[in-house]
Amino acid sequence: MARRVKKKSAKHRTHKVLKSGRPKRRQVEFSVFYEDYIPPKLVVRDKQVKQIQQTMDNFLKNGIAPNLLLTGVTGSGKTATLQYALNDYDKKAYIFVKCKQMKGIKEVLAFIGNLKPLARQRAPELLPKVIENLKKERKAIVLDDVAVIPSWVELLGYMDGIYRAVQSPVIVTTNMFRFLDSLPDDVRHTLLFFRVDFPAYNAVELYQIIKDRVKLSRTRIPDASLKLIGAIASDVGSARDALVMTRTAIELGKTKENDIQELHKTIEEQAYRDYIGRLPPKERLALEFILRQYKVTKTPIPIREITKNLRLSPSRTSQLVTSLEQYDIITTQVQYSKDGGKFRTIQPDEWLVERVAKGEIEL
């Protein structure tokens, strides 16, 4: 079984000196602002790193460990923290599945089992071979952003079968807070996920993160501007937003406080336009219905209304709602009826509601 490996220390960097004796100007290292960059040291999330590494250590030492559910809002550092923690281990100790890059369940299983399936093969036919290969070389299975996989609940059913047969720990990341409620009882009880929460970053934490990345990029930006970026991004607690804003400010050479305010407005509007522009027809239709109903009622909309009015199955409605929720364009919550029953409702993002009403964003 693969062992934990020792991290290599960063090499000391020195300035190149020109013949004139002046230091050569270095190019800005923009790669440190991207989400796939793993920094030498995380300035936040020590607790979560320890929880992940404790699971990996138990698996490597004792051959068994609890399954982990890493949950938090988009941009709360789930993937970055997970990659940082796993960077301490031999890559043979785990299988890291980037679900955003997978077409479906069959592709995920093939990746886990290191298989090249035939076009006609289906997921159930692959499962025995996946289990056989994992028994030969047991590894932890990481499913990053698992809910983007169509029929992800069914995928967790396959993970249930793998875990029963091999006892390979499963680590899942998701921004769905009701993730466990969507699983069948037998799957939830077998996998028995231990929850690792990622609270939204606050302004101070975001400031610490981007300040560290600016230093790693070998450039400078006014401290007051960094604090402003941290405060702006803390509205949703997203390090991703803070890093994008910092990188863009440096690229444009607009790093003063008033520049940051204007940049924030531009980025937010463009992000919404890009997302809405890429919406498939059904998701766009569902969003149009949600905004139209909210304009009339000014209250959260029961999800069942989408099912009824758009003539969709409950499962298809759930997929559409999940897709919209992943991008923070809507939020869902559970409400109670007068007879004691429960039902889910949708609340559209107020910023989007205002922009659509003013005609600044068109669906």
Foldseek 3Di string as FASTA:
>chain_A
DWDFAADDDDDDDDFDADPVRHTDDDAFPLVLLDPVDADPDQPDDPVVLVVLLVQLVCCVPVVAGAAAEEEAAAQLCRVNSNCNSCVRTDPLQEQADACVPDAALQRLLCSQQVHDDDPPDDNVVSLVSSLVSCQVRPHAYEYEQQLVHVVSLVSLVSVLVSCVRRNRHYYYYHHDPCVLVPHDPVSCVSNVHDYDYRYQAALVSLLVSVVVSSVVRVHDADSVLSSLLSHVCRVRSHNSSSSVLVSVCVVVVNRDNVSSVVSVVVVVLVVVQVVLVPDDPVLNVLVVVQLVVCVVVVDWAFLVVSCVPVVHDPSVSVSSVSVCVSVVQKDKDWDADPVGDITITIDGDPVVSVCVVVVVHDD
